[in-house]
PDB file of N, CA and C in Angstrom:
ATOM      1  N   LYS A   1       0.857  -1.186   0.152  1.00  0.00           N
ATOM      2  CA  LYS A   1      -0.070   0.243   0.021  1.00  0.00           C
ATOM      3  C   LYS A   1       0.842   1.457   0.023  1.00  0.00           C
ATOM      4  N   GLY A   2       2.048   1.242  -0.803  1.00  0.00           N
ATOM      5  CA  GLY A   2       2.836   2.041  -1.001  1.00  0.00           C
ATOM      6  C   GLY A   2       3.735   2.218  -2.225  1.00  0.00           C
ATOM      7  N   TRP A   3       4.120   3.427  -2.875  1.00  0.00           N
ATOM      8  CA  TRP A   3       4.482   3.042  -4.075  1.00  0.00           C
ATOM      9  C   TRP A   3       5.568   4.420  -4.294  1.00  0.00           C
ATOM     10  N   VAL A   4       6.526   4.202  -5.060  1.00  0.00           N
ATOM     11  CA  VAL A   4       7.430   5.364  -5.224  1.00  0.00           C
ATOM     12  C   VAL A   4       8.080   5.274  -6.192  1.00  0.00           C
ATOM     13  N   GLN A   5       8.248   6.387  -7.176  1.00  0.00           N
ATOM     14  CA  GLN A   5       9.236   6.292  -8.427  1.00  0.00           C
ATOM     15  C   GLN A   5      10.214   7.580  -7.993  1.00  0.00           C
ATOM     16  N   PHE A   6      11.355   7.105  -8.376  1.00  0.00           N
ATOM     17  CA  PHE A   6      12.717   8.164  -7.892  1.00  0.00           C
ATOM     18  C   PHE A   6      13.693   7.736  -8.846  1.00  0.00           C
ATOM     19  N   ASN A   7      14.836   9.043  -8.956  1.00  0.00           N
ATOM     20  CA  ASN A   7      15.600   9.035  -9.625  1.00  0.00           C
ATOM     21  C   ASN A   7      16.660   8.855  -8.587  1.00  0.00           C
ATOM     22  N   GLY A   8      17.447   8.017  -8.316  1.00  0.00           N
ATOM     23  CA  GLY A   8      18.475   7.495  -7.413  1.00  0.00           C
ATOM     24  C   GLY A   8      19.611   8.725  -8.009  1.00  0.00           C
ATOM     25  N   ALA A   9      20.304   8.879  -8.829  1.00  0.00           N
ATOM     26  CA  ALA A   9      21.246   9.509  -9.290  1.00  0.00           C
ATOM     27  C   ALA A   9      20.857  10.939  -8.518  1.00  0.00           C
ATOM     28  N   LEU A  10      20.494  11.479  -8.661  1.00  0.00           N
ATOM     29  CA  LEU A  10      19.716  12.954  -8.580  1.00  0.00           C
ATOM     30  C   LEU A  10      19.254  12.866  -6.685  1.00  0.00           C
ATOM     31  N   GLY A  11      18.927  11.512  -6.268  1.00  0.00           N
ATOM     32  CA  GLY A  11      18.129  11.641  -5.029  1.00  0.00           C
ATOM     33  C   GLY A  11      16.955  12.624  -5.288  1.00  0.00           C
ATOM     34  N   GLN A  12      16.105  12.414  -5.979  1.00  0.00           N
ATOM     35  CA  GLN A  12      14.396  13.325  -5.981  1.00  0.00           C
ATOM     36  C   GLN A  12      13.476  12.087  -6.075  1.00  0.00           C
ATOM     37  N   ILE A  13      12.410  12.234  -5.741  1.00  0.00           N
ATOM     38  CA  ILE A  13      11.010  11.546  -5.660  1.00  0.00           C
ATOM     39  C   ILE A  13      10.604  12.178  -6.727  1.00  0.00           C
ATOM     40  N   GLY A  14      10.012  11.205  -7.783  1.00  0.00           N
ATOM     41  CA  GLY A  14       9.453  11.917  -9.046  1.00  0.00           C
ATOM     42  C   GLY A  14       7.764  12.028  -8.545  1.00  0.00           C
ATOM     43  N   ASN A  15       7.021  10.961  -8.048  1.00  0.00           N
ATOM     44  CA  ASN A  15       5.828  10.621  -7.709  1.00  0.00           C
ATOM     45  C   ASN A  15       5.834   9.448  -6.705  1.00  0.00           C
ATOM     46  N   SER A  16       4.993   9.600  -5.660  1.00  0.00           N
ATOM     47  CA  SER A  16       4.933   8.393  -4.576  1.00  0.00           C
ATOM     48  C   SER A  16       3.297   8.211  -3.887  1.00  0.00           C
ATOM     49  N   PHE A  17       3.101   7.550  -3.066  1.00  0.00           N
ATOM     50  CA  PHE A  17       1.862   7.297  -2.170  1.00  0.00           C
ATOM     51  C   PHE A  17       2.539   6.479  -1.245  1.00  0.00           C
ATOM     52  N   ASN A  18       1.965   7.147   0.062  1.00  0.00           N
ATOM     53  CA  ASN A  18       2.093   6.757   1.235  1.00  0.00           C
ATOM     54  C   ASN A  18       3.912   6.368   1.568  1.00  0.00           C
ATOM     55  N   VAL A  19       4.698   7.155   0.994  1.00  0.00           N
ATOM     56  CA  VAL A  19       5.922   7.332   0.952  1.00  0.00           C
ATOM     57  C   VAL A  19       6.402   8.760   1.870  1.00  0.00           C
ATOM     58  N   ALA A  20       6.996   8.563   2.791  1.00  0.00           N
ATOM     59  CA  ALA A  20       7.440   9.763   3.770  1.00  0.00           C
ATOM     60  C   ALA A  20       8.787  10.567   3.112  1.00  0.00           C
ATOM     61  N   SER A  21       9.757   9.517   2.433  1.00  0.00           N
ATOM     62  CA  SER A  21      10.841   9.827   2.194  1.00  0.00           C
ATOM     63  C   SER A  21      11.775   8.795   1.272  1.00  0.00           C
ATOM     64  N   VAL A  22      12.706   9.210   0.600  1.00  0.00           N
ATOM     65  CA  VAL A  22      13.797   8.146   0.147  1.00  0.00           C
ATOM     66  C   VAL A  22      15.112   8.804   0.328  1.00  0.00           C
ATOM     67  N   THR A  23      15.643   7.972   1.205  1.00  0.00           N
ATOM     68  CA  THR A  23      17.170   8.516   1.605  1.00  0.00           C
ATOM     69  C   THR A  23      18.284   7.621   0.841  1.00  0.00           C
ATOM     70  N   ARG A  24      18.981   8.659   0.015  1.00  0.00           N
ATOM     71  CA  ARG A  24      20.243   7.958  -0.418  1.00  0.00           C
ATOM     72  C   ARG A  24      21.062   7.820   0.339  1.00  0.00           C
ATOM     73  N   VAL A  25      21.547   6.754   1.188  1.00  0.00           N
ATOM     74  CA  VAL A  25      22.620   6.404   2.201  1.00  0.00           C
ATOM     75  C   VAL A  25      24.121   6.145   1.860  1.00  0.00           C
ATOM     76  N   THR A  26      24.476   5.613   0.551  1.00  0.00           N
ATOM     77  CA  THR A  26      25.440   5.858  -0.125  1.00  0.00           C
ATOM     78  C   THR A  26      25.578   5.606  -1.641  1.00  0.00           C
ATOM     79  N   THR A  27      26.523   5.020  -2.501  1.00  0.00           N
ATOM     80  CA  THR A  27      25.865   4.833  -3.758  1.00  0.00           C
ATOM     81  C   THR A  27      25.162   3.613  -3.770  1.00  0.00           C
ATOM     82  N   GLY A  28      23.777   3.225  -4.460  1.00  0.00           N
ATOM     83  CA  GLY A  28      23.250   2.002  -4.488  1.00  0.00           C
ATOM     84  C   GLY A  28      22.574   1.863  -3.332  1.00  0.00           C
ATOM     85  N   ASP A  29      22.441   2.525  -2.087  1.00  0.00           N
ATOM     86  CA  ASP A  29      21.914   2.306  -1.082  1.00  0.00           C
ATOM     87  C   ASP A  29      20.712   2.958  -0.839  1.00  0.00           C
ATOM     88  N   TYR A  30      19.461   2.785  -0.676  1.00  0.00           N
ATOM     89  CA  TYR A  30      18.486   3.904  -0.078  1.00  0.00           C
ATOM     90  C   TYR A  30      17.544   3.169   0.836  1.00  0.00           C
ATOM     91  N   VAL A  31      17.139   4.009   1.604  1.00  0.00           N
ATOM     92  CA  VAL A  31      16.073   3.598   2.549  1.00  0.00           C
ATOM     93  C   VAL A  31      14.365   4.350   2.282  1.00  0.00           C
ATOM     94  N   ILE A  32      13.726   3.669   1.964  1.00  0.00           N
ATOM     95  CA  ILE A  32      12.153   4.103   1.628  1.00  0.00           C
ATOM     96  C   ILE A  32      11.349   4.067   2.790  1.00  0.00           C
ATOM     97  N   ALA A  33      11.101   5.619   3.494  1.00  0.00           N
ATOM     98  CA  ALA A  33      10.093   5.345   4.567  1.00  0.00           C
ATOM     99  C   ALA A  33       8.924   5.574   4.461  1.00  0.00           C
ATOM    100  N   TRP A  34       8.036   4.945   5.098  1.00  0.00           N
ATOM    101  CA  TRP A  34       6.755   4.971   4.916  1.00  0.00           C
ATOM    102  C   TRP A  34       6.093   6.031   5.670  1.00  0.00           C
ATOM    103  N   ASP A  35       5.011   6.969   5.059  1.00  0.00           N
ATOM    104  CA  ASP A  35       4.289   7.929   5.688  1.00  0.00           C
ATOM    105  C   ASP A  35       2.937   6.685   6.967  1.00  0.00           C
ATOM    106  N   ARG A  36       2.824   5.899   6.519  1.00  0.00           N
ATOM    107  CA  ARG A  36       1.930   5.125   7.718  1.00  0.00           C
ATOM    108  C   ARG A  36       2.416   3.847   7.515  1.00  0.00           C
ATOM    109  N   ASP A  37       2.905   3.444   8.568  1.00  0.00           N
ATOM    110  CA  ASP A  37       3.790   1.936   8.689  1.00  0.00           C
ATOM    111  C   ASP A  37       2.901   0.834   8.364  1.00  0.00           C
ATOM    112  N   PHE A  38       3.533  -0.192   8.146  1.00  0.00           N
ATOM    113  CA  PHE A  38       2.710  -1.192   7.852  1.00  0.00           C
ATOM    114  C   PHE A  38       2.850  -2.122   9.049  1.00  0.00           C
ATOM    115  N   ALA A  39       1.602  -3.123   9.373  1.00  0.00           N
ATOM    116  CA  ALA A  39       1.506  -3.952  10.447  1.00  0.00           C
ATOM    117  C   ALA A  39       2.420  -4.246  11.301  1.00  0.00           C
ATOM    118  N   ASN A  40       3.425  -5.006  10.306  1.00  0.00           N
ATOM    119  CA  ASN A  40       4.566  -5.749  10.762  1.00  0.00           C
ATOM    120  C   ASN A  40       5.626  -5.719   9.734  1.00  0.00           C
ATOM    121  N   ALA A  41       6.648  -6.254   9.610  1.00  0.00           N
ATOM    122  CA  ALA A  41       7.726  -6.403   8.673  1.00  0.00           C
ATOM    123  C   ALA A  41       7.266  -7.452   7.449  1.00  0.00           C
ATOM    124  N   HIS A  42       5.961  -7.951   7.501  1.00  0.00           N
ATOM    125  CA  HIS A  42       6.142  -8.966   6.385  1.00  0.00           C
ATOM    126  C   HIS A  42       4.971  -8.195   5.149  1.00  0.00           C
ATOM    127  N   TYR A  43       5.777  -7.901   4.697  1.00  0.00           N
ATOM    128  CA  TYR A  43       4.916  -7.237   3.358  1.00  0.00           C
ATOM    129  C   TYR A  43       5.890  -7.507   2.113  1.00  0.00           C
ATOM    130  N   ALA A  44       5.509  -7.454   0.879  1.00  0.00           N
ATOM    131  CA  ALA A  44       5.992  -7.872  -0.191  1.00  0.00           C
ATOM    132  C   ALA A  44       6.600  -6.430  -0.669  1.00  0.00           C
ATOM    133  N   VAL A  45       7.530  -6.107  -1.238  1.00  0.00           N
ATOM    134  CA  VAL A  45       8.548  -5.373  -2.233  1.00  0.00           C
ATOM    135  C   VAL A  45       8.776  -5.702  -3.433  1.00  0.00           C
ATOM    136  N   VAL A  46       8.087  -5.015  -4.503  1.00  0.00           N
ATOM    137  CA  VAL A  46       9.022  -5.343  -5.707  1.00  0.00           C
ATOM    138  C   VAL A  46       9.285  -4.150  -6.586  1.00  0.00           C
ATOM    139  N   GLY A  47       9.911  -4.058  -7.481  1.00  0.00           N
ATOM    140  CA  GLY A  47      10.613  -3.059  -7.912  1.00  0.00           C
ATOM    141  C   GLY A  47      11.344  -3.033  -9.539  1.00  0.00           C
ATOM    142  N   MET A  48      11.697  -2.028 -10.153  1.00  0.00           N
ATOM    143  CA  MET A  48      12.624  -2.277 -11.498  1.00  0.00           C
ATOM    144  C   MET A  48      13.358  -0.677 -11.568  1.00  0.00           C
ATOM    145  N   VAL A  49      14.740  -1.077 -12.107  1.00  0.00           N
ATOM    146  CA  VAL A  49      15.473   0.020 -11.924  1.00  0.00           C
ATOM    147  C   VAL A  49      16.229   0.158 -13.203  1.00  0.00           C
ATOM    148  N   ASN A  50      16.514   1.418 -13.766  1.00  0.00           N
ATOM    149  CA  ASN A  50      17.158   1.533 -14.554  1.00  0.00           C
ATOM    150  C   ASN A  50      18.809   2.212 -14.345  1.00  0.00           C
ATOM    151  N   GLY A  51      19.823   1.591 -14.779  1.00  0.00           N
ATOM    152  CA  GLY A  51      21.165   2.095 -14.274  1.00  0.00           C
ATOM    153  C   GLY A  51      21.453   3.503 -15.032  1.00  0.00           C
ATOM    154  N   THR A  52      22.395   3.775 -14.498  1.00  0.00           N
ATOM    155  CA  THR A  52      23.293   4.991 -15.133  1.00  0.00           C
ATOM    156  C   THR A  52      24.172   4.454 -16.500  1.00  0.00           C
ATOM    157  N   ALA A  53      24.453   3.158 -16.565  1.00  0.00           N
ATOM    158  CA  ALA A  53      25.387   3.127 -17.909  1.00  0.00           C
ATOM    159  C   ALA A  53      24.581   1.922 -18.668  1.00  0.00           C
ATOM    160  N   SER A  54      25.047   1.649 -19.481  1.00  0.00           N
ATOM    161  CA  SER A  54      24.112   0.401 -20.151  1.00  0.00           C
ATOM    162  C   SER A  54      24.175  -0.399 -19.520  1.00  0.00           C
ATOM    163  N   VAL A  55      24.203  -0.834 -18.366  1.00  0.00           N
ATOM    164  CA  VAL A  55      24.815  -2.308 -17.814  1.00  0.00           C
ATOM    165  C   VAL A  55      23.263  -2.609 -16.980  1.00  0.00           C
ATOM    166  N   PRO A  56      22.849  -3.918 -17.208  1.00  0.00           N
ATOM    167  CA  PRO A  56      21.628  -4.181 -16.237  1.00  0.00           C
ATOM    168  C   PRO A  56      22.160  -4.231 -15.094  1.00  0.00           C
ATOM    169  N   VAL A  57      20.991  -3.856 -14.482  1.00  0.00           N
ATOM    170  CA  VAL A  57      21.028  -3.586 -12.607  1.00  0.00           C
ATOM    171  C   VAL A  57      19.934  -4.456 -12.114  1.00  0.00           C
ATOM    172  N   PHE A  58      19.849  -4.829 -10.837  1.00  0.00           N
ATOM    173  CA  PHE A  58      19.028  -5.606 -10.126  1.00  0.00           C
ATOM    174  C   PHE A  58      18.716  -4.744  -8.638  1.00  0.00           C
ATOM    175  N   ALA A  59      18.184  -4.967  -8.066  1.00  0.00           N
ATOM    176  CA  ALA A  59      17.351  -4.746  -6.678  1.00  0.00           C
ATOM    177  C   ALA A  59      17.415  -5.438  -5.563  1.00  0.00           C
ATOM    178  N   GLN A  60      17.768  -5.628  -4.329  1.00  0.00           N
ATOM    179  CA  GLN A  60      17.534  -6.531  -3.559  1.00  0.00           C
ATOM    180  C   GLN A  60      17.512  -5.948  -1.764  1.00  0.00           C
ATOM    181  N   TYR A  61      17.112  -6.300  -1.084  1.00  0.00           N
ATOM    182  CA  TYR A  61      16.882  -5.939   0.125  1.00  0.00           C
ATOM    183  C   TYR A  61      18.238  -5.812   0.853  1.00  0.00           C
ATOM    184  N   ASN A  62      18.309  -4.633   1.466  1.00  0.00           N
ATOM    185  CA  ASN A  62      19.782  -4.238   2.261  1.00  0.00           C
ATOM    186  C   ASN A  62      19.264  -4.612   3.825  1.00  0.00           C
ATOM    187  N   GLY A  63      19.389  -5.941   4.118  1.00  0.00           N
ATOM    188  CA  GLY A  63      19.186  -5.936   5.313  1.00  0.00           C
ATOM    189  C   GLY A  63      17.796  -6.396   5.294  1.00  0.00           C
ATOM    190  N   SER A  64      17.094  -6.346   6.626  1.00  0.00           N
ATOM    191  CA  SER A  64      15.530  -6.798   6.794  1.00  0.00           C
ATOM    192  C   SER A  64      14.556  -5.802   6.611  1.00  0.00           C
ATOM    193  N   PRO A  65      13.411  -5.657   5.917  1.00  0.00           N
ATOM    194  CA  PRO A  65      12.927  -4.611   6.355  1.00  0.00           C
ATOM    195  C   PRO A  65      11.971  -4.335   7.536  1.00  0.00           C
ATOM    196  N   SER A  66      11.475  -3.197   8.018  1.00  0.00           N
ATOM    197  CA  SER A  66      10.940  -3.089   9.113  1.00  0.00           C
ATOM    198  C   SER A  66       9.439  -2.569   8.734  1.00  0.00           C
ATOM    199  N   ALA A  67       8.596  -2.218   9.900  1.00  0.00           N
ATOM    200  CA  ALA A  67       7.311  -1.836   9.593  1.00  0.00           C
ATOM    201  C   ALA A  67       7.332  -0.361   8.949  1.00  0.00           C
ATOM    202  N   ALA A  68       8.065   0.444   9.445  1.00  0.00           N
ATOM    203  CA  ALA A  68       8.341   1.643   9.012  1.00  0.00           C
ATOM    204  C   ALA A  68       8.646   1.891   7.786  1.00  0.00           C
ATOM    205  N   SER A  69      10.066   1.048   7.391  1.00  0.00           N
ATOM    206  CA  SER A  69      11.002   1.771   6.210  1.00  0.00           C
ATOM    207  C   SER A  69      11.430   0.154   5.544  1.00  0.00           C
ATOM    208  N   VAL A  70      12.055   0.398   4.061  1.00  0.00           N
ATOM    209  CA  VAL A  70      12.946  -0.859   3.607  1.00  0.00           C
ATOM    210  C   VAL A  70      14.149  -0.259   3.299  1.00  0.00           C
ATOM    211  N   ALA A  71      15.323  -0.777   3.382  1.00  0.00           N
ATOM    212  CA  ALA A  71      16.411  -0.823   2.736  1.00  0.00           C
ATOM    213  C   ALA A  71      17.021  -1.251   1.591  1.00  0.00           C
ATOM    214  N   ILE A  72      17.060  -0.755   0.301  1.00  0.00           N
ATOM    215  CA  ILE A  72      17.148  -1.335  -1.171  1.00  0.00           C
ATOM    216  C   ILE A  72      18.611  -1.365  -1.433  1.00  0.00           C
ATOM    217  N   HIS A  73      18.755  -1.997  -1.878  1.00  0.00           N
ATOM    218  CA  HIS A  73      20.559  -2.204  -2.764  1.00  0.00           C
ATOM    219  C   HIS A  73      20.292  -2.584  -3.999  1.00  0.00           C
ATOM    220  N   VAL A  74      21.013  -1.502  -4.792  1.00  0.00           N
ATOM    221  CA  VAL A  74      20.893  -1.648  -6.141  1.00  0.00           C
ATOM    222  C   VAL A  74      22.420  -1.970  -6.713  1.00  0.00           C
ATOM    223  N   CYS A  75      22.539  -3.050  -7.579  1.00  0.00           N
ATOM    224  CA  CYS A  75      23.820  -3.109  -8.045  1.00  0.00           C
ATOM    225  C   CYS A  75      23.671  -3.567  -9.416  1.00  0.00           C
ATOM    226  N   SER A  76      24.806  -3.673  -9.998  1.00  0.00           N
ATOM    227  CA  SER A  76      25.057  -4.416 -11.612  1.00  0.00           C
ATOM    228  C   SER A  76      24.912  -5.810 -11.600  1.00  0.00           C
ATOM    229  N   THR A  77      24.539  -6.346 -12.649  1.00  0.00           N
ATOM    230  CA  THR A  77      24.160  -7.989 -12.569  1.00  0.00           C
ATOM    231  C   THR A  77      25.658  -8.801 -12.716  1.00  0.00           C
ATOM    232  N   ASN A  78      26.069  -8.184 -12.986  1.00  0.00           N
ATOM    233  CA  ASN A  78      27.835  -8.552 -13.350  1.00  0.00           C
ATOM    234  C   ASN A  78      28.652  -8.923 -12.193  1.00  0.00           C
ATOM    235  N   THR A  79      28.810  -8.194 -11.654  1.00  0.00           N
ATOM    236  CA  THR A  79      29.709  -7.914 -10.356  1.00  0.00           C
ATOM    237  C   THR A  79      29.091  -7.585  -9.112  1.00  0.00           C
ATOM    238  N   CYS A  80      27.684  -6.971  -9.065  1.00  0.00           N
ATOM    239  CA  CYS A  80      26.999  -6.221  -8.216  1.00  0.00           C
ATOM    240  C   CYS A  80      27.954  -5.149  -7.370  1.00  0.00           C
ATOM    241  N   THR A  81      28.487  -4.593  -8.567  1.00  0.00           N
ATOM    242  CA  THR A  81      29.007  -3.192  -7.771  1.00  0.00           C
ATOM    243  C   THR A  81      27.704  -2.450  -8.106  1.00  0.00           C
ATOM    244  N   ALA A  82      28.181  -1.514  -6.887  1.00  0.00           N
ATOM    245  CA  ALA A  82      26.683  -0.385  -6.196  1.00  0.00           C
ATOM    246  C   ALA A  82      26.627   0.341  -7.552  1.00  0.00           C
ATOM    247  N   ASN A  83      25.007   0.731  -7.848  1.00  0.00           N
ATOM    248  CA  ASN A  83      24.843   1.568  -8.850  1.00  0.00           C
ATOM    249  C   ASN A  83      23.875   2.508  -8.407  1.00  0.00           C
ATOM    250  N   ASP A  84      23.894   3.719  -8.708  1.00  0.00           N
ATOM    251  CA  ASP A  84      22.951   4.894  -8.563  1.00  0.00           C
ATOM    252  C   ASP A  84      21.842   4.796  -9.785  1.00  0.00           C
ATOM    253  N   PRO A  85      20.411   4.253  -9.902  1.00  0.00           N
ATOM    254  CA  PRO A  85      19.406   4.062 -10.702  1.00  0.00           C
ATOM    255  C   PRO A  85      18.919   5.362 -11.209  1.00  0.00           C
ATOM    256  N   VAL A  86      19.091   5.611 -12.387  1.00  0.00           N
ATOM    257  CA  VAL A  86      18.425   7.061 -13.149  1.00  0.00           C
ATOM    258  C   VAL A  86      16.850   7.068 -12.949  1.00  0.00           C
ATOM    259  N   ASP A  87      16.267   5.562 -12.646  1.00  0.00           N
ATOM    260  CA  ASP A  87      14.961   5.542 -12.647  1.00  0.00           C
ATOM    261  C   ASP A  87      14.371   4.632 -11.955  1.00  0.00           C
ATOM    262  N   ALA A  88      13.803   4.582 -10.611  1.00  0.00           N
ATOM    263  CA  ALA A  88      13.472   3.288 -10.185  1.00  0.00           C
ATOM    264  C   ALA A  88      12.590   3.571  -9.414  1.00  0.00           C
ATOM    265  N   ALA A  89      11.502   2.494  -9.394  1.00  0.00           N
ATOM    266  CA  ALA A  89      10.385   2.433  -8.972  1.00  0.00           C
ATOM    267  C   ALA A  89      10.144   1.183  -8.138  1.00  0.00           C
ATOM    268  N   PHE A  90       9.429   1.087  -6.865  1.00  0.00           N
ATOM    269  CA  PHE A  90       9.135   0.247  -6.144  1.00  0.00           C
ATOM    270  C   PHE A  90       7.506   0.023  -5.309  1.00  0.00           C
ATOM    271  N   ILE A  91       7.146  -1.119  -5.592  1.00  0.00           N
ATOM    272  CA  ILE A  91       5.560  -1.010  -4.755  1.00  0.00           C
ATOM    273  C   ILE A  91       6.005  -1.880  -3.711  1.00  0.00           C
ATOM    274  N   ALA A  92       4.963  -1.407  -2.562  1.00  0.00           N
ATOM    275  CA  ALA A  92       5.065  -2.294  -1.388  1.00  0.00           C
ATOM    276  C   ALA A  92       3.588  -2.458  -1.092  1.00  0.00           C
ATOM    277  N   ILE A  93       3.472  -3.827  -0.612  1.00  0.00           N
ATOM    278  CA  ILE A  93       2.055  -4.299  -0.540  1.00  0.00           C
ATOM    279  C   ILE A  93       1.595  -5.316   0.746  1.00  0.00           C
ATOM    280  N   GLY A  94       0.973  -4.598   1.813  1.00  0.00           N
ATOM    281  CA  GLY A  94       1.002  -5.663   2.892  1.00  0.00           C
ATOM    282  C   GLY A  94      -0.380  -5.189   3.738  1.00  0.00           C
ATOM    283  N   VAL A  95      -0.365  -5.406   4.901  1.00  0.00           N
ATOM    284  CA  VAL A  95      -1.370  -5.121   5.968  1.00  0.00           C
ATOM    285  C   VAL A  95      -0.783  -4.258   6.740  1.00  0.00           C
ATOM    286  N   GLN A  96      -1.511  -2.886   6.994  1.00  0.00           N
ATOM    287  CA  GLN A  96      -1.317  -1.462   7.449  1.00  0.00           C
ATOM    288  C   GLN A  96      -2.254  -1.520   8.939  1.00  0.00           C
TER     289      GLN A  96
END
């Protein structure tokens, strides 16, 4: 029950619902904080990212999610080198 589209390279949210903030911790690492917390940490997060170079990238959990936020790590598929996505979009669904 929350979604966000953001530019990781610039650290800017384009559009969102139920997202308080997206914080860039370091290259490729972001924390998405929810406006309204989930009931617990057992919710699903899916997303897609587009890298800064013509390198395929993917996103994964960076630690375990909490009811209040989820940490995401974005990296290239060949070496898992941290990557700031030009365009990233994530959806979270669960009980609130």
